[in-house]
Protein backbone atom coordinates (compact mmCIF):
# COMPACT_ATOMS: atom_id res chain seq x y z
CA MET A 1 -19.56 10.89 -3.36
CA THR A 2 -16.87 8.61 -4.53
CA THR A 3 -14.74 7.38 -1.55
CA LEU A 4 -11.85 4.95 -1.49
CA LEU A 5 -12.34 2.05 0.84
CA GLY A 6 -9.72 -0.50 1.86
CA LEU A 7 -8.67 -2.94 4.56
CA ALA A 8 -5.41 -3.32 6.55
CA LEU A 9 -4.89 -6.95 7.15
CA ASP A 10 -2.58 -8.18 9.96
CA GLY A 11 -2.14 -11.27 11.81
CA TYR A 12 -3.06 -9.51 14.91
CA GLY A 13 -6.82 -9.33 13.70
CA TRP A 14 -6.72 -13.26 14.06
CA HIS A 15 -7.97 -15.07 17.03
CA PRO A 16 -8.10 -18.74 17.45
CA SER A 17 -11.29 -18.73 19.56
CA GLN A 18 -13.16 -16.74 16.63
CA ASP A 19 -11.70 -18.18 13.57
CA LYS A 20 -12.11 -21.54 11.84
CA HIS A 21 -8.48 -21.35 10.60
CA ALA A 22 -6.20 -23.65 12.91
CA ASN A 23 -3.06 -21.90 11.80
CA GLY A 24 -4.60 -18.59 10.51
CA PRO A 25 -2.23 -16.18 9.43
CA LEU A 26 0.67 -18.84 8.67
CA THR A 27 -1.30 -20.25 5.78
CA GLY A 28 -1.79 -18.97 2.43
CA LYS A 29 -5.45 -20.11 2.37
CA TYR A 30 -6.31 -17.80 5.30
CA TRP A 31 -4.90 -14.72 3.45
CA THR A 32 -6.54 -15.69 0.19
CA GLU A 33 -10.00 -16.07 1.88
CA GLN A 34 -9.60 -12.60 3.65
CA VAL A 35 -8.92 -10.71 0.32
CA GLN A 36 -11.52 -12.72 -1.68
CA LEU A 37 -14.03 -11.56 0.95
CA ALA A 38 -12.76 -8.07 0.63
CA GLU A 39 -13.12 -8.22 -3.10
CA ARG A 40 -16.69 -9.57 -2.78
CA GLY A 41 -17.42 -6.28 -1.04
CA LEU A 42 -16.02 -4.41 -3.98
CA LEU A 43 -13.28 -2.72 -1.93
CA ASP A 44 -10.50 -0.86 -3.43
CA PHE A 45 -7.52 -2.36 -1.90
CA VAL A 46 -5.89 -4.31 0.97
CA THR A 47 -2.80 -3.67 2.65
CA PHE A 48 -0.57 -6.54 4.16
CA GLU A 49 1.17 -5.19 7.18
CA ASP A 50 4.67 -6.27 7.97
CA SER A 51 7.88 -5.28 9.89
CA PHE A 52 11.19 -6.91 11.04
CA ALA A 53 10.02 -6.93 14.63
CA ARG A 54 9.59 -10.34 16.25
CA THR A 55 5.85 -11.43 16.96
CA PRO A 56 4.80 -14.16 19.30
CA GLY A 57 3.46 -16.46 16.65
CA GLY A 58 5.73 -15.34 13.80
CA ARG A 59 4.47 -13.65 10.56
CA LEU A 60 4.77 -14.49 6.86
CA ASP A 61 6.54 -11.98 4.36
CA ALA A 62 3.87 -9.35 3.18
CA VAL A 63 5.15 -9.14 -0.64
CA LEU A 64 5.20 -12.96 -0.94
CA THR A 65 1.79 -13.30 0.82
CA ALA A 66 0.40 -10.66 -1.89
CA ALA A 67 1.96 -12.59 -4.60
CA ARG A 68 0.24 -15.74 -3.29
CA VAL A 69 -3.17 -14.00 -3.41
CA ALA A 70 -2.82 -12.33 -6.63
CA PRO A 71 -3.76 -15.20 -8.68
CA ALA A 72 -6.61 -15.85 -6.74
CA THR A 73 -8.27 -12.49 -7.14
CA THR A 74 -9.17 -10.25 -10.02
CA HIS A 75 -9.96 -6.60 -9.22
CA ILE A 76 -8.85 -5.52 -5.73
CA GLY A 77 -5.60 -3.68 -5.19
CA LEU A 78 -2.92 -5.52 -3.35
CA ILE A 79 -0.37 -3.18 -1.23
CA PRO A 80 2.25 -5.27 0.89
CA THR A 81 4.53 -3.56 3.43
CA ALA A 82 8.26 -3.71 2.86
CA PRO A 83 10.35 -1.55 5.34
CA ALA A 84 12.92 0.86 3.53
CA THR A 85 15.31 0.30 6.49
CA HIS A 86 17.59 -2.60 6.26
CA ASN A 87 16.36 -3.36 2.74
CA GLU A 88 17.92 -2.98 -0.81
CA PRO A 89 15.87 -0.72 -3.27
CA PHE A 90 16.83 -3.11 -5.82
CA HIS A 91 15.20 -6.00 -4.09
CA ILE A 92 12.20 -3.85 -3.50
CA SER A 93 11.79 -2.65 -6.91
CA LYS A 94 12.04 -6.17 -8.39
CA ALA A 95 9.73 -7.73 -6.01
CA ILE A 96 6.93 -5.13 -6.38
CA ALA A 97 7.43 -4.95 -10.14
CA THR A 98 6.80 -8.76 -10.22
CA LEU A 99 3.72 -8.34 -8.12
CA ASP A 100 2.40 -5.67 -10.51
CA ILE A 101 3.06 -8.22 -13.54
CA VAL A 102 1.53 -11.06 -11.88
CA SER A 103 -1.62 -9.22 -10.61
CA GLY A 104 -2.12 -7.53 -13.83
CA GLY A 105 -1.49 -3.96 -12.57
CA ARG A 106 -2.88 -4.15 -9.09
CA ALA A 107 0.30 -3.67 -7.13
CA GLY A 108 1.34 -1.00 -4.45
CA TRP A 109 3.96 -0.88 -1.92
CA GLN A 110 3.71 0.48 1.69
CA VAL A 111 6.90 2.04 2.59
CA THR A 112 7.93 2.13 6.24
CA ILE A 113 10.96 2.62 8.41
CA ALA A 114 12.65 0.16 11.05
CA ASP A 115 13.41 2.33 14.20
CA THR A 116 13.92 -0.16 17.00
CA GLU A 117 17.10 -1.79 18.49
CA GLU A 118 15.52 -5.19 18.22
CA GLU A 119 15.07 -4.68 14.34
CA ALA A 120 18.53 -3.44 13.97
CA ASP A 121 19.90 -6.46 15.88
CA ALA A 122 18.26 -8.90 13.77
CA PHE A 123 20.36 -7.68 10.81
CA GLY A 124 23.52 -6.98 12.83
CA ARG A 125 24.79 -4.50 10.32
CA THR A 126 23.91 -0.93 11.96
CA LYS A 127 22.46 0.68 14.81
CA VAL A 128 19.18 2.62 14.68
CA LEU A 129 19.63 5.94 13.09
CA PRO A 130 17.85 9.00 14.31
CA LEU A 131 14.35 9.55 13.03
CA GLN A 132 15.12 12.19 10.45
CA ASP A 133 18.11 10.08 8.95
CA LEU A 134 15.87 7.09 8.76
CA LEU A 135 13.23 9.18 6.75
CA ASP A 136 16.04 10.63 4.65
CA GLU A 137 17.31 7.04 3.92
CA ALA A 138 13.58 6.17 3.16
CA ALA A 139 13.24 8.90 0.76
CA ASP A 140 16.22 7.86 -1.13
CA VAL A 141 15.02 4.00 -1.16
CA VAL A 142 11.76 5.42 -2.87
CA GLU A 143 13.59 7.45 -5.36
CA VAL A 144 15.83 4.74 -6.45
CA THR A 145 12.96 2.25 -6.65
CA ARG A 146 11.07 4.67 -8.72
CA ARG A 147 14.10 5.11 -10.83
CA LEU A 148 14.64 1.36 -11.23
CA TRP A 149 10.86 1.00 -12.22
CA ASP A 150 11.66 3.56 -15.17
CA SER A 151 14.79 1.79 -15.95
CA TRP A 152 13.00 -0.39 -18.70
CA GLU A 153 10.75 1.64 -21.24
CA ASP A 154 7.58 0.14 -22.28
CA ASP A 155 8.79 -1.26 -25.57
CA ALA A 156 12.47 -2.21 -24.38
CA GLU A 157 11.54 -5.91 -25.02
CA ILE A 158 11.79 -6.55 -28.90
CA ARG A 159 11.58 -10.57 -28.55
CA ASP A 160 12.33 -10.81 -32.32
CA LEU A 161 13.19 -14.44 -33.18
CA ASP A 162 14.46 -13.72 -36.62
CA THR A 163 17.32 -11.44 -35.46
CA GLY A 164 17.68 -12.83 -31.92
CA ARG A 165 17.37 -9.71 -30.35
CA PHE A 166 15.19 -9.64 -27.04
CA ILE A 167 15.91 -6.23 -25.66
CA ASP A 168 16.62 -2.95 -27.37
CA ARG A 169 19.52 -1.83 -25.45
CA GLU A 170 18.74 1.88 -26.08
CA ARG A 171 15.74 1.63 -24.21
CA LEU A 172 17.55 0.18 -21.02
CA HIS A 173 18.68 2.73 -18.71
CA TYR A 174 21.43 3.02 -15.90
CA VAL A 175 19.95 4.89 -12.98
CA ASP A 176 23.40 5.89 -11.65
CA PHE A 177 22.20 6.91 -8.13
CA GLU A 178 24.83 8.31 -5.64
CA GLY A 179 23.59 9.17 -2.23
CA ARG A 180 24.43 9.36 1.32
CA PHE A 181 23.36 5.92 2.18
CA PHE A 182 24.04 4.06 -0.75
CA SER A 183 24.73 4.12 -4.49
CA VAL A 184 22.96 1.99 -7.27
CA LYS A 185 23.85 1.61 -10.96
CA GLY A 186 20.86 -0.44 -12.16
CA PRO A 187 19.17 -1.14 -14.42
CA SER A 188 16.47 -3.43 -12.94
CA ILE A 189 16.52 -6.88 -14.22
CA THR A 190 12.54 -6.95 -14.34
CA PRO A 191 10.91 -5.41 -17.34
CA ARG A 192 8.57 -2.47 -16.87
CA SER A 193 5.28 -3.49 -15.21
CA PRO A 194 1.53 -2.80 -16.35
CA GLN A 195 1.45 0.43 -14.16
CA GLY A 196 4.99 1.61 -14.85
CA GLN A 197 5.05 2.98 -11.50
CA SER A 198 3.33 1.05 -8.81
CA VAL A 199 1.34 2.92 -6.15
CA VAL A 200 3.44 4.11 -3.20
CA ALA A 201 1.73 4.22 0.08
CA ALA A 202 3.11 5.40 3.57
CA LEU A 203 1.58 5.78 7.01
CA ALA A 204 2.16 9.30 8.47
CA ARG A 205 1.57 9.31 12.33
CA SER A 206 4.12 12.20 13.15
CA ARG A 207 4.82 15.70 11.56
CA PRO A 208 8.02 14.41 10.11
CA GLY A 209 6.41 11.40 8.81
CA GLN A 210 3.78 13.51 7.14
CA VAL A 211 6.13 15.62 5.41
CA PHE A 212 8.09 12.38 4.07
CA ALA A 213 4.75 11.04 2.88
CA ALA A 214 3.47 14.08 1.31
CA LYS A 215 6.89 14.44 -0.75
CA ASN A 216 7.46 10.64 -1.57
CA ALA A 217 4.26 8.59 -1.45
CA ASP A 218 1.12 8.66 -3.73
CA ILE A 219 -1.03 7.49 -1.04
CA VAL A 220 -0.94 8.85 2.61
CA PHE A 221 -2.66 7.11 5.52
CA VAL A 222 -3.32 9.27 8.45
CA THR A 223 -4.55 8.82 11.96
CA PRO A 224 -7.20 11.57 12.76
CA HIS A 225 -8.98 11.29 16.12
CA ASP A 226 -11.65 13.90 15.53
CA GLY A 227 -13.44 16.21 13.12
CA ALA A 228 -11.00 18.92 13.50
CA SER A 229 -7.79 16.87 12.71
CA ALA A 230 -9.90 15.07 9.86
CA ALA A 231 -10.18 18.69 8.33
CA GLU A 232 -6.63 19.92 9.19
CA ILE A 233 -4.58 17.06 8.08
CA PRO A 234 -5.44 16.67 4.39
CA ALA A 235 -4.90 20.51 3.77
CA ARG A 236 -1.50 20.35 5.34
CA LEU A 237 -0.52 17.31 3.34
CA HIS A 238 -1.64 18.85 0.01
CA ASN A 239 0.33 22.01 0.75
CA THR A 240 3.60 19.97 1.49
CA SER A 241 3.09 18.02 -1.66
CA SER A 242 4.64 20.63 -3.85
CA HIS A 243 1.63 20.11 -6.35
CA ARG A 244 2.00 16.52 -6.54
CA ILE A 245 -1.14 14.58 -6.69
CA ILE A 246 -1.81 12.53 -3.52
CA LYS A 247 -4.52 10.88 -1.76
CA VAL A 248 -5.19 11.08 2.00
CA LEU A 249 -6.91 8.17 3.58
CA ALA A 250 -7.88 7.89 7.15
CA ASP A 251 -7.05 4.82 9.22
CA LEU A 252 -9.74 3.58 11.58
CA VAL A 253 -9.80 0.62 13.77
CA VAL A 254 -13.36 -1.01 13.86
CA ALA A 255 -14.82 -3.27 16.27
CA PHE A 256 -18.54 -3.14 15.33
CA GLY A 257 -20.88 -3.16 18.47
CA ARG A 258 -18.04 -4.25 20.90
CA ASP A 259 -15.93 -2.26 23.32
CA ASP A 260 -12.72 -4.22 22.82
CA GLU A 261 -10.01 -2.90 25.21
CA PHE A 262 -6.81 -2.09 23.27
CA HIS A 263 -4.66 0.77 22.44
CA SER A 264 -4.15 2.18 18.89
CA ASP A 265 -2.50 5.04 17.22
CA ALA A 266 -5.71 5.55 15.21
CA ALA A 267 -9.29 6.29 16.27
CA ILE A 268 -11.30 3.09 17.45
CA PHE A 269 -14.84 2.97 16.35
CA THR A 270 -17.32 0.57 17.99
CA GLY A 271 -20.60 1.80 16.64
CA SER A 272 -22.89 0.35 13.94
CA ALA A 273 -22.25 -0.09 10.12
CA ALA A 274 -24.87 2.86 9.61
CA GLU A 275 -23.04 5.17 12.03
CA LEU A 276 -19.75 4.44 10.18
CA ALA A 277 -21.30 5.18 6.80
CA ASP A 278 -22.36 8.53 8.18
CA LEU A 279 -18.67 9.20 9.61
CA ILE A 280 -17.21 8.29 6.10
CA GLY A 281 -19.59 10.65 4.38
CA GLN A 282 -18.66 13.52 6.95
CA TRP A 283 -14.83 12.84 6.71
CA HIS A 284 -15.07 12.87 2.80
CA GLU A 285 -16.64 16.34 2.90
CA TRP A 286 -13.62 17.40 5.05
CA GLY A 287 -11.07 16.39 2.47
CA ILE A 288 -10.37 12.67 3.39
CA ASP A 289 -10.51 10.64 0.11
CA GLY A 290 -11.21 7.41 1.97
CA LEU A 291 -10.69 5.20 4.77
CA ARG A 292 -8.61 2.16 5.46
CA LEU A 293 -10.31 0.24 8.03
CA ARG A 294 -8.27 -2.10 10.52
CA PRO A 295 -10.48 -4.86 11.66
CA ALA A 296 -9.88 -5.51 15.33
CA VAL A 297 -11.13 -9.26 14.73
CA ASN A 298 -10.97 -10.17 11.10
CA ALA A 299 -13.67 -12.89 11.53
CA LEU A 300 -16.06 -10.72 13.14
CA ASP A 301 -15.46 -7.35 11.58
CA ILE A 302 -14.70 -7.92 7.93
CA PRO A 303 -18.25 -9.55 7.11
CA VAL A 304 -19.84 -6.38 8.72
CA ILE A 305 -17.86 -4.28 6.29
CA VAL A 306 -18.54 -6.30 3.54
CA ASP A 307 -22.35 -7.37 3.96
CA GLU A 308 -23.66 -4.09 6.15
CA LEU A 309 -21.28 -1.12 5.39
CA VAL A 310 -20.70 -1.48 1.71
CA PRO A 311 -24.56 -1.71 0.94
CA LEU A 312 -25.07 1.49 2.93
CA LEU A 313 -22.42 3.20 1.05
CA GLN A 314 -23.82 1.96 -2.39
CA THR A 315 -27.34 3.35 -1.32
CA HIS A 316 -26.56 6.55 0.31
CA HIS A 317 -23.11 7.67 -0.89
CA GLY A 318 -22.40 6.46 -4.42
CA PHE A 319 -19.94 3.64 -3.73
CA ARG A 320 -19.68 1.36 -6.65
CA THR A 321 -21.85 -1.57 -7.40
CA GLN A 322 -19.39 -3.36 -9.46
CA TYR A 323 -15.88 -3.20 -10.63
CA GLU A 324 -14.98 -1.76 -13.89
CA ALA A 325 -14.42 -4.13 -16.65
CA GLY A 326 -11.18 -4.54 -18.71
CA ALA A 327 -7.40 -4.50 -17.95
CA SER A 328 -7.27 -0.69 -17.90
CA GLU A 329 -8.52 -0.44 -14.37
CA THR A 330 -4.91 -0.50 -12.73
CA LEU A 331 -4.71 0.50 -9.10
CA ARG A 332 -3.21 3.90 -10.10
CA ALA A 333 -6.40 4.54 -12.06
CA ARG A 334 -8.48 3.18 -9.14
CA PHE A 335 -6.90 6.01 -7.02
CA GLY A 336 -7.25 8.58 -9.46
CA LEU A 337 -3.67 9.04 -10.09
CA PRO A 338 -1.95 10.04 -13.52
CA THR A 339 -0.49 7.77 -15.85
CA ALA A 340 3.14 7.03 -14.93
CA THR A 341 5.60 8.79 -17.36
CA ASN A 342 8.85 7.17 -17.77
CA ARG A 343 11.63 9.67 -17.12
CA TYR A 344 14.08 8.09 -19.30
CA ALA A 345 11.85 7.67 -22.05
CA ARG A 346 11.56 11.46 -22.18
CA LYS A 347 15.36 11.80 -22.37
CA SER A 348 15.77 9.27 -25.15
CA ALA A 349 12.93 10.64 -27.25
């Protein structure tokens, strides 16, 4: 069995009484150390959670935090959250392409929507749209972002000092998108990144969210609460994906050996690392491609994942014992996604 394993990192997982970092999630050092620990455990990826909602202690920007972490890591995938609502696809495409370049092909983007009045009031430009409108807008943002990633062909940069030509203009493309919510001409100002198309992820809690994710994302995070839903959800998503290759990962809150009292949209696991290893194996047999673990307390639960869970998965479930060497191991390759083909290159060819 080869299963995908990642972490959802959020400032809520930090507790001042249980962590040595005085300012915790408001420092670059804190995030770097969490991701370096996850990389020591050979995990596939981390996601950096974010939203436009206010939090008691404040929060850092997820994309900028991932960019801070990128030079301090080597293999692990970096997937920051950037809401599609109240955001410009031009800005998202440029930020994620930049992250992909500085990380050497390890970038992803977790797309979310902002569906509260509080988030809308923070911008003051619009009121909250109905759920389906928010999802339709997010679909357009994903489409335009993908087009902008393709707007530079792989060999668009000439860099010919003798002729003074930096770009082959024939290999730079306008995206010319006209939609219900916005229009974008393009092209991007950022060259095509190592992956071409960074991995797009989405958390799908509701049925409408699952339809959106299956049609627009490469990675779909789901929240099964029992064996029946763990077996049923992946089949439904693959049927909805219109033959697109997607990977389905289950979210699971982990509080090893503790009965922490809190509510979550995902299932909460309080057993041992050995019990979790068995659960991962069972869910994999039911069609779940991997798990994204949400530590209840980063300082308590991430070390158990790295030092206890991963060795059990290596011994009994075929989890990797080292990362692949070389620059070819992009995040797309890690997830088993096909190489991204540039839509505009096909036309020019």
